[in-house]
Amino acid sequence: MPRPPAHSTDAECEAFVAVCHRLGGFDRRLSFEWVDGYLTALVAGPRAVSVGEWLPAMCDDAFERSFADPDDVAQAMAALLARWNVIASQLDAEALADDPDRLRLEPMLFDDGAEVRAEMLANGLSEAEIDALPLPGALWAAGFLAACGAFEADWRSLDDASDAAQWRDDLLAGIAALHAGSVELGPHLARHHAGRRLTREELIDEAIFCVQDLRLLWVDHAPTHAPIRRPPKPGRNDACPCGSGRKFKKCCGAQP
């Protein structure tokens, strides 16, 4: 039986949103939804990327400017990594392969429901300002695609002529559809859904399935690096490979 996915607790969600809010004070891109998409791409992507690589790629200098105190840094990193671990659980490759028709990933998306809308109106936003806000999933998809761009060499490691590369591009298109305007969305729907209009919820579900399929694709097609080949060590009576003309035991082989 596949393991059930982990879920962020209310406290973990609040901590994650608070960290992203502070980051957003120095870089407006870094909303909780955008950051959640970025982390999701890292987890679903071609290789394990270290924190030392992705944190500066994602935040530039916003993290250092937001969190200078060591305790602040530790709490911020704990919040980000707690969310990372939940995403990793939801994208567990073995569980996805065992039950490929199940939506396991639960992205953190902006809620545009009636209660949230009423709260924003009460806080002074106008109807026009609320309508101008990105639709749920748009910033998440933007963050996902930004991570793909930051580590483009990894994401482009497949042979462009291969079926796997075409599958990768189709899956990315399903995610990009959340970020697309109506003009760009039309060709995607025409190609993949025979021109059928999808609700926002259906587009989000499609994008989630695309992420889950990308995770499995990269498990099967992870980038490989050529092994380091070292010449065999010469025997003690062989000519020294340094070119001195002496025996190895009398030359480099004699060095401690």
C-alpha atoms as a PDB file:
ATOM      1  CA  MET A   1       0.000   0.000   0.000  1.00  0.00           C
ATOM      2  CA  PRO A   2       1.340   3.474  -0.865  1.00  0.00           C
ATOM      3  CA  ARG A   3       2.220   5.614   2.122  1.00  0.00           C
ATOM      4  CA  PRO A   4      -0.201   8.496   2.784  1.00  0.00           C
ATOM      5  CA  PRO A   5       1.304  11.901   1.972  1.00  0.00           C
ATOM      6  CA  ALA A   6       2.336  14.218   4.765  1.00  0.00           C
ATOM      7  CA  HIS A   7       0.456  17.470   5.239  1.00  0.00           C
ATOM      8  CA  SER A   8       1.646  20.824   6.527  1.00  0.00           C
ATOM      9  CA  THR A   9       0.176  21.628   9.914  1.00  0.00           C
ATOM     10  CA  ASP A  10      -1.517  24.971  10.516  1.00  0.00           C
ATOM     11  CA  ALA A  11       1.559  26.093  12.461  1.00  0.00           C
ATOM     12  CA  GLU A  12       3.881  25.064   9.624  1.00  0.00           C
ATOM     13  CA  CYS A  13       1.725  26.902   7.085  1.00  0.00           C
ATOM     14  CA  GLU A  14       1.700  30.040   9.208  1.00  0.00           C
ATOM     15  CA  ALA A  15       5.468  29.908   9.681  1.00  0.00           C
ATOM     16  CA  PHE A  16       6.041  29.374   5.955  1.00  0.00           C
ATOM     17  CA  VAL A  17       3.739  32.247   4.988  1.00  0.00           C
ATOM     18  CA  ALA A  18       5.416  34.521   7.546  1.00  0.00           C
ATOM     19  CA  VAL A  19       8.876  33.761   6.147  1.00  0.00           C
ATOM     20  CA  CYS A  20       7.705  34.438   2.592  1.00  0.00           C
ATOM     21  CA  HIS A  21       6.032  37.668   3.712  1.00  0.00           C
ATOM     22  CA  ARG A  22       9.353  38.921   5.092  1.00  0.00           C
ATOM     23  CA  LEU A  23      11.188  37.842   1.944  1.00  0.00           C
ATOM     24  CA  GLY A  24       8.567  39.626  -0.143  1.00  0.00           C
ATOM     25  CA  GLY A  25       9.468  42.867   1.572  1.00  0.00           C
ATOM     26  CA  PHE A  26      12.755  42.795  -0.342  1.00  0.00           C
ATOM     27  CA  ASP A  27      11.636  40.920  -3.474  1.00  0.00           C
ATOM     28  CA  ARG A  28       7.974  41.149  -4.437  1.00  0.00           C
ATOM     29  CA  ARG A  29       8.129  37.880  -6.386  1.00  0.00           C
ATOM     30  CA  LEU A  30       8.589  35.897  -3.197  1.00  0.00           C
ATOM     31  CA  SER A  31       4.988  35.363  -2.188  1.00  0.00           C
ATOM     32  CA  PHE A  32       4.180  32.124  -0.368  1.00  0.00           C
ATOM     33  CA  GLU A  33       2.531  30.757  -3.534  1.00  0.00           C
ATOM     34  CA  TRP A  34       5.518  31.574  -5.761  1.00  0.00           C
ATOM     35  CA  VAL A  35       7.988  30.085  -3.267  1.00  0.00           C
ATOM     36  CA  ASP A  36       5.850  26.953  -2.910  1.00  0.00           C
ATOM     37  CA  GLY A  37       5.949  26.487  -6.686  1.00  0.00           C
ATOM     38  CA  TYR A  38       9.709  27.013  -6.730  1.00  0.00           C
ATOM     39  CA  LEU A  39      10.281  24.400  -4.018  1.00  0.00           C
ATOM     40  CA  THR A  40       7.954  21.986  -5.804  1.00  0.00           C
ATOM     41  CA  ALA A  41      10.010  22.214  -9.000  1.00  0.00           C
ATOM     42  CA  LEU A  42      13.180  21.496  -7.035  1.00  0.00           C
ATOM     43  CA  VAL A  43      11.655  18.395  -5.452  1.00  0.00           C
ATOM     44  CA  ALA A  44      10.140  17.169  -8.730  1.00  0.00           C
ATOM     45  CA  GLY A  45      13.194  18.020 -10.810  1.00  0.00           C
ATOM     46  CA  PRO A  46      16.062  16.133 -12.371  1.00  0.00           C
ATOM     47  CA  ARG A  47      18.412  15.968  -9.379  1.00  0.00           C
ATOM     48  CA  ALA A  48      18.720  16.742  -5.696  1.00  0.00           C
ATOM     49  CA  VAL A  49      19.716  20.403  -5.428  1.00  0.00           C
ATOM     50  CA  SER A  50      21.464  21.477  -2.234  1.00  0.00           C
ATOM     51  CA  VAL A  51      20.207  24.350  -0.103  1.00  0.00           C
ATOM     52  CA  GLY A  52      23.432  26.194  -0.855  1.00  0.00           C
ATOM     53  CA  GLU A  53      22.465  26.149  -4.540  1.00  0.00           C
ATOM     54  CA  TRP A  54      18.735  26.852  -4.478  1.00  0.00           C
ATOM     55  CA  LEU A  55      18.454  29.397  -1.674  1.00  0.00           C
ATOM     56  CA  PRO A  56      20.543  32.118  -3.392  1.00  0.00           C
ATOM     57  CA  ALA A  57      19.059  31.196  -6.776  1.00  0.00           C
ATOM     58  CA  MET A  58      15.558  31.647  -5.386  1.00  0.00           C
ATOM     59  CA  CYS A  59      16.069  34.653  -3.112  1.00  0.00           C
ATOM     60  CA  ASP A  60      19.169  36.428  -4.410  1.00  0.00           C
ATOM     61  CA  ASP A  61      20.084  38.621  -1.417  1.00  0.00           C
ATOM     62  CA  ALA A  62      16.560  38.842   0.006  1.00  0.00           C
ATOM     63  CA  PHE A  63      17.171  36.074   2.519  1.00  0.00           C
ATOM     64  CA  GLU A  64      20.269  37.707   4.014  1.00  0.00           C
ATOM     65  CA  ARG A  65      18.505  41.065   4.130  1.00  0.00           C
ATOM     66  CA  SER A  66      15.404  39.570   5.756  1.00  0.00           C
ATOM     67  CA  PHE A  67      17.092  37.315   8.302  1.00  0.00           C
ATOM     68  CA  ALA A  68      20.338  38.566   9.802  1.00  0.00           C
ATOM     69  CA  ASP A  69      20.073  37.246  13.365  1.00  0.00           C
ATOM     70  CA  PRO A  70      21.214  33.597  13.712  1.00  0.00           C
ATOM     71  CA  ASP A  71      18.015  32.614  15.516  1.00  0.00           C
ATOM     72  CA  ASP A  72      15.973  34.281  12.775  1.00  0.00           C
ATOM     73  CA  VAL A  73      17.951  32.426  10.127  1.00  0.00           C
ATOM     74  CA  ALA A  74      17.429  29.090  11.873  1.00  0.00           C
ATOM     75  CA  GLN A  75      13.673  29.622  12.216  1.00  0.00           C
ATOM     76  CA  ALA A  76      13.318  30.756   8.607  1.00  0.00           C
ATOM     77  CA  MET A  77      15.251  27.779   7.294  1.00  0.00           C
ATOM     78  CA  ALA A  78      13.230  25.437   9.510  1.00  0.00           C
ATOM     79  CA  ALA A  79      10.003  26.813   8.001  1.00  0.00           C
ATOM     80  CA  LEU A  80      11.260  26.456   4.427  1.00  0.00           C
ATOM     81  CA  LEU A  81      12.630  22.962   4.971  1.00  0.00           C
ATOM     82  CA  ALA A  82       9.478  21.817   6.768  1.00  0.00           C
ATOM     83  CA  ARG A  83       7.521  22.766   3.661  1.00  0.00           C
ATOM     84  CA  TRP A  84      10.159  21.083   1.464  1.00  0.00           C
ATOM     85  CA  ASN A  85       9.770  17.843   3.439  1.00  0.00           C
ATOM     86  CA  VAL A  86       5.985  17.871   3.054  1.00  0.00           C
ATOM     87  CA  ILE A  87       6.280  18.394  -0.715  1.00  0.00           C
ATOM     88  CA  ALA A  88       8.846  15.577  -0.886  1.00  0.00           C
ATOM     89  CA  SER A  89       6.453  13.257   0.947  1.00  0.00           C
ATOM     90  CA  GLN A  90       3.609  14.150  -1.394  1.00  0.00           C
ATOM     91  CA  LEU A  91       5.858  13.512  -4.394  1.00  0.00           C
ATOM     92  CA  ASP A  92       7.223  10.220  -3.122  1.00  0.00           C
ATOM     93  CA  ALA A  93       8.042   8.405  -6.361  1.00  0.00           C
ATOM     94  CA  GLU A  94       7.132   4.922  -5.128  1.00  0.00           C
ATOM     95  CA  ALA A  95       3.717   6.081  -3.932  1.00  0.00           C
ATOM     96  CA  LEU A  96       3.086   7.968  -7.173  1.00  0.00           C
ATOM     97  CA  ALA A  97       3.967   4.915  -9.256  1.00  0.00           C
ATOM     98  CA  ASP A  98       1.701   2.693  -7.148  1.00  0.00           C
ATOM     99  CA  ASP A  99      -1.305   4.993  -7.556  1.00  0.00           C
ATOM    100  CA  PRO A 100      -0.746   7.268 -10.586  1.00  0.00           C
ATOM    101  CA  ASP A 101      -4.371   8.429 -10.797  1.00  0.00           C
ATOM    102  CA  ARG A 102      -4.386   9.949  -7.330  1.00  0.00           C
ATOM    103  CA  LEU A 103      -3.730  13.622  -6.677  1.00  0.00           C
ATOM    104  CA  ARG A 104      -1.145  13.574  -3.892  1.00  0.00           C
ATOM    105  CA  LEU A 105       0.409  17.020  -4.235  1.00  0.00           C
ATOM    106  CA  GLU A 106      -1.354  19.799  -2.340  1.00  0.00           C
ATOM    107  CA  PRO A 107       0.125  23.138  -3.422  1.00  0.00           C
ATOM    108  CA  MET A 108      -0.285  26.207  -1.241  1.00  0.00           C
ATOM    109  CA  LEU A 109      -2.355  28.530  -3.409  1.00  0.00           C
ATOM    110  CA  PHE A 110      -3.934  31.917  -2.931  1.00  0.00           C
ATOM    111  CA  ASP A 111      -7.608  31.516  -2.017  1.00  0.00           C
ATOM    112  CA  ASP A 112      -9.992  33.723  -3.988  1.00  0.00           C
ATOM    113  CA  GLY A 113     -13.131  32.366  -2.327  1.00  0.00           C
ATOM    114  CA  ALA A 114     -16.003  34.481  -1.091  1.00  0.00           C
ATOM    115  CA  GLU A 115     -14.758  34.670   2.503  1.00  0.00           C
ATOM    116  CA  VAL A 116     -11.302  35.808   1.459  1.00  0.00           C
ATOM    117  CA  ARG A 117     -12.769  38.319  -0.960  1.00  0.00           C
ATOM    118  CA  ALA A 118     -14.970  39.765   1.789  1.00  0.00           C
ATOM    119  CA  GLU A 119     -11.956  40.018   4.086  1.00  0.00           C
ATOM    120  CA  MET A 120      -9.962  41.889   1.437  1.00  0.00           C
ATOM    121  CA  LEU A 121     -12.866  44.278   0.868  1.00  0.00           C
ATOM    122  CA  ALA A 122     -13.039  44.864   4.613  1.00  0.00           C
ATOM    123  CA  ASN A 123      -9.305  45.632   4.577  1.00  0.00           C
ATOM    124  CA  GLY A 124      -9.815  48.395   2.023  1.00  0.00           C
ATOM    125  CA  LEU A 125      -9.158  46.729  -1.327  1.00  0.00           C
ATOM    126  CA  SER A 126     -11.533  47.684  -4.100  1.00  0.00           C
ATOM    127  CA  GLU A 127     -13.376  45.209  -6.321  1.00  0.00           C
ATOM    128  CA  ALA A 128     -11.148  46.276  -9.220  1.00  0.00           C
ATOM    129  CA  GLU A 129      -7.965  45.672  -7.196  1.00  0.00           C
ATOM    130  CA  ILE A 130      -9.176  42.237  -6.135  1.00  0.00           C
ATOM    131  CA  ASP A 131     -10.109  41.330  -9.720  1.00  0.00           C
ATOM    132  CA  ALA A 132      -6.609  42.351 -10.838  1.00  0.00           C
ATOM    133  CA  LEU A 133      -4.956  39.876  -8.464  1.00  0.00           C
ATOM    134  CA  PRO A 134      -3.460  36.769 -10.088  1.00  0.00           C
ATOM    135  CA  LEU A 135      -5.746  33.763 -10.275  1.00  0.00           C
ATOM    136  CA  PRO A 136      -5.016  30.862  -7.905  1.00  0.00           C
ATOM    137  CA  GLY A 137      -2.077  28.862  -9.196  1.00  0.00           C
ATOM    138  CA  ALA A 138      -0.672  31.587 -11.448  1.00  0.00           C
ATOM    139  CA  LEU A 139       2.107  32.617  -9.063  1.00  0.00           C
ATOM    140  CA  TRP A 140       2.726  28.996  -8.100  1.00  0.00           C
ATOM    141  CA  ALA A 141       3.283  28.093 -11.750  1.00  0.00           C
ATOM    142  CA  ALA A 142       5.514  31.146 -12.171  1.00  0.00           C
ATOM    143  CA  GLY A 143       7.649  29.997  -9.246  1.00  0.00           C
ATOM    144  CA  PHE A 144       7.821  26.464 -10.636  1.00  0.00           C
ATOM    145  CA  LEU A 145       8.962  27.709 -14.039  1.00  0.00           C
ATOM    146  CA  ALA A 146      11.455  30.100 -12.437  1.00  0.00           C
ATOM    147  CA  ALA A 147      13.145  27.149 -10.723  1.00  0.00           C
ATOM    148  CA  CYS A 148      13.256  25.291 -14.056  1.00  0.00           C
ATOM    149  CA  GLY A 149      14.966  28.322 -15.572  1.00  0.00           C
ATOM    150  CA  ALA A 150      17.420  28.704 -12.703  1.00  0.00           C
ATOM    151  CA  PHE A 151      18.586  25.113 -13.210  1.00  0.00           C
ATOM    152  CA  GLU A 152      17.972  24.966 -16.952  1.00  0.00           C
ATOM    153  CA  ALA A 153      20.981  22.764 -17.705  1.00  0.00           C
ATOM    154  CA  ASP A 154      19.485  20.009 -15.565  1.00  0.00           C
ATOM    155  CA  TRP A 155      16.005  20.347 -17.055  1.00  0.00           C
ATOM    156  CA  ARG A 156      17.462  20.343 -20.582  1.00  0.00           C
ATOM    157  CA  SER A 157      19.648  17.284 -20.014  1.00  0.00           C
ATOM    158  CA  LEU A 158      17.419  15.051 -22.142  1.00  0.00           C
ATOM    159  CA  ASP A 159      18.042  14.465 -25.836  1.00  0.00           C
ATOM    160  CA  ASP A 160      15.759  17.002 -27.531  1.00  0.00           C
ATOM    161  CA  ALA A 161      14.725  14.410 -30.117  1.00  0.00           C
ATOM    162  CA  SER A 162      13.692  11.831 -27.516  1.00  0.00           C
ATOM    163  CA  ASP A 163      10.174  10.921 -26.483  1.00  0.00           C
ATOM    164  CA  ALA A 164      11.121  11.774 -22.901  1.00  0.00           C
ATOM    165  CA  ALA A 165      11.997  15.344 -23.895  1.00  0.00           C
ATOM    166  CA  GLN A 166       8.670  15.746 -25.687  1.00  0.00           C
ATOM    167  CA  TRP A 167       6.869  14.379 -22.632  1.00  0.00           C
ATOM    168  CA  ARG A 168       8.775  16.791 -20.407  1.00  0.00           C
ATOM    169  CA  ASP A 169       7.765  19.730 -22.600  1.00  0.00           C
ATOM    170  CA  ASP A 170       4.115  18.657 -22.643  1.00  0.00           C
ATOM    171  CA  LEU A 171       4.066  18.348 -18.860  1.00  0.00           C
ATOM    172  CA  LEU A 172       5.673  21.759 -18.420  1.00  0.00           C
ATOM    173  CA  ALA A 173       3.054  23.206 -20.764  1.00  0.00           C
ATOM    174  CA  GLY A 174       0.346  21.863 -18.482  1.00  0.00           C
ATOM    175  CA  ILE A 175       1.931  23.719 -15.569  1.00  0.00           C
ATOM    176  CA  ALA A 176       2.533  26.884 -17.583  1.00  0.00           C
ATOM    177  CA  ALA A 177      -1.172  26.923 -18.491  1.00  0.00           C
ATOM    178  CA  LEU A 178      -1.887  28.162 -14.951  1.00  0.00           C
ATOM    179  CA  HIS A 179       0.269  31.208 -15.634  1.00  0.00           C
ATOM    180  CA  ALA A 180      -0.940  31.803 -19.186  1.00  0.00           C
ATOM    181  CA  GLY A 181      -3.317  34.530 -20.242  1.00  0.00           C
ATOM    182  CA  SER A 182      -6.401  33.691 -22.258  1.00  0.00           C
ATOM    183  CA  VAL A 183      -4.580  34.240 -25.571  1.00  0.00           C
ATOM    184  CA  GLU A 184      -1.755  31.843 -24.704  1.00  0.00           C
ATOM    185  CA  LEU A 185      -4.106  29.346 -23.077  1.00  0.00           C
ATOM    186  CA  GLY A 186      -6.168  28.816 -26.233  1.00  0.00           C
ATOM    187  CA  PRO A 187      -3.563  26.795 -28.189  1.00  0.00           C
ATOM    188  CA  HIS A 188      -2.846  24.637 -25.126  1.00  0.00           C
ATOM    189  CA  LEU A 189      -6.516  23.765 -24.690  1.00  0.00           C
ATOM    190  CA  ALA A 190      -6.905  23.147 -28.417  1.00  0.00           C
ATOM    191  CA  ARG A 191      -3.973  20.732 -28.446  1.00  0.00           C
ATOM    192  CA  HIS A 192      -4.583  18.843 -25.216  1.00  0.00           C
ATOM    193  CA  HIS A 193      -8.301  19.229 -24.565  1.00  0.00           C
ATOM    194  CA  ALA A 194      -9.868  19.542 -28.033  1.00  0.00           C
ATOM    195  CA  GLY A 195     -10.771  23.177 -27.379  1.00  0.00           C
ATOM    196  CA  ARG A 196     -12.786  22.312 -24.254  1.00  0.00           C
ATOM    197  CA  ARG A 197     -12.968  25.064 -21.664  1.00  0.00           C
ATOM    198  CA  LEU A 198     -11.532  24.000 -18.326  1.00  0.00           C
ATOM    199  CA  THR A 199     -12.470  25.527 -14.990  1.00  0.00           C
ATOM    200  CA  ARG A 200      -9.693  26.956 -12.862  1.00  0.00           C
ATOM    201  CA  GLU A 201      -9.950  23.952 -10.558  1.00  0.00           C
ATOM    202  CA  GLU A 202      -9.550  21.591 -13.510  1.00  0.00           C
ATOM    203  CA  LEU A 203      -6.478  23.473 -14.745  1.00  0.00           C
ATOM    204  CA  ILE A 204      -4.967  23.260 -11.266  1.00  0.00           C
ATOM    205  CA  ASP A 205      -5.644  19.516 -11.086  1.00  0.00           C
ATOM    206  CA  GLU A 206      -4.071  19.070 -14.527  1.00  0.00           C
ATOM    207  CA  ALA A 207      -0.985  20.970 -13.409  1.00  0.00           C
ATOM    208  CA  ILE A 208      -0.683  18.821 -10.284  1.00  0.00           C
ATOM    209  CA  PHE A 209      -0.833  15.632 -12.351  1.00  0.00           C
ATOM    210  CA  CYS A 210       1.840  17.131 -14.623  1.00  0.00           C
ATOM    211  CA  VAL A 211       4.123  17.729 -11.641  1.00  0.00           C
ATOM    212  CA  GLN A 212       3.573  14.185 -10.392  1.00  0.00           C
ATOM    213  CA  ASP A 213       4.362  12.778 -13.850  1.00  0.00           C
ATOM    214  CA  LEU A 214       7.481  14.949 -14.061  1.00  0.00           C
ATOM    215  CA  ARG A 215       8.670  13.471 -10.781  1.00  0.00           C
ATOM    216  CA  LEU A 216       8.354   9.971 -12.240  1.00  0.00           C
ATOM    217  CA  LEU A 217       9.902  11.002 -15.551  1.00  0.00           C
ATOM    218  CA  TRP A 218      13.033  12.272 -13.821  1.00  0.00           C
ATOM    219  CA  VAL A 219      13.276   9.147 -11.688  1.00  0.00           C
ATOM    220  CA  ASP A 220      13.597   7.208 -14.945  1.00  0.00           C
ATOM    221  CA  HIS A 221      15.746   9.783 -16.774  1.00  0.00           C
ATOM    222  CA  ALA A 222      17.890  11.427 -14.114  1.00  0.00           C
ATOM    223  CA  PRO A 223      20.928  13.229 -15.560  1.00  0.00           C
ATOM    224  CA  THR A 224      24.038  11.103 -15.447  1.00  0.00           C
ATOM    225  CA  HIS A 225      27.594  12.272 -15.254  1.00  0.00           C
ATOM    226  CA  ALA A 226      30.465  10.544 -16.966  1.00  0.00           C
ATOM    227  CA  PRO A 227      32.477   8.496 -14.466  1.00  0.00           C
ATOM    228  CA  ILE A 228      35.907   9.770 -13.535  1.00  0.00           C
ATOM    229  CA  ARG A 229      38.383   7.481 -15.218  1.00  0.00           C
ATOM    230  CA  ARG A 230      41.794   7.135 -13.624  1.00  0.00           C
ATOM    231  CA  PRO A 231      44.627   5.292 -15.368  1.00  0.00           C
ATOM    232  CA  PRO A 232      45.687   2.082 -13.615  1.00  0.00           C
ATOM    233  CA  LYS A 233      48.542   2.486 -11.180  1.00  0.00           C
ATOM    234  CA  PRO A 234      51.770   1.232 -12.811  1.00  0.00           C
ATOM    235  CA  GLY A 235      53.610  -1.748 -11.402  1.00  0.00           C
ATOM    236  CA  ARG A 236      56.747  -1.108  -9.358  1.00  0.00           C
ATOM    237  CA  ASN A 237      59.013  -2.248 -12.191  1.00  0.00           C
ATOM    238  CA  ASP A 238      57.073  -0.455 -14.948  1.00  0.00           C
ATOM    239  CA  ALA A 239      58.346   2.736 -16.547  1.00  0.00           C
ATOM    240  CA  CYS A 240      57.234   5.754 -14.525  1.00  0.00           C
ATOM    241  CA  PRO A 241      54.334   7.552 -16.274  1.00  0.00           C
ATOM    242  CA  CYS A 242      55.947  10.934 -15.579  1.00  0.00           C
ATOM    243  CA  GLY A 243      58.292  10.320 -18.519  1.00  0.00           C
ATOM    244  CA  SER A 244      61.555  10.319 -16.570  1.00  0.00           C
ATOM    245  CA  GLY A 245      62.676   7.011 -18.077  1.00  0.00           C
ATOM    246  CA  ARG A 246      63.208   5.517 -14.618  1.00  0.00           C
ATOM    247  CA  LYS A 247      61.278   2.662 -13.071  1.00  0.00           C
ATOM    248  CA  PHE A 248      58.175   3.662 -11.145  1.00  0.00           C
ATOM    249  CA  LYS A 249      59.613   2.271  -7.849  1.00  0.00           C
ATOM    250  CA  LYS A 250      62.697   4.479  -8.267  1.00  0.00           C
ATOM    251  CA  CYS A 251      60.750   7.600  -9.271  1.00  0.00           C
ATOM    252  CA  CYS A 252      57.239   8.733  -8.363  1.00  0.00           C
ATOM    253  CA  GLY A 253      56.492   5.401  -6.663  1.00  0.00           C
ATOM    254  CA  ALA A 254      59.256   6.097  -4.177  1.00  0.00           C
ATOM    255  CA  GLN A 255      57.606   9.309  -2.978  1.00  0.00           C
ATOM    256  CA  PRO A 256      55.708   9.014   0.339  1.00  0.00           C
END
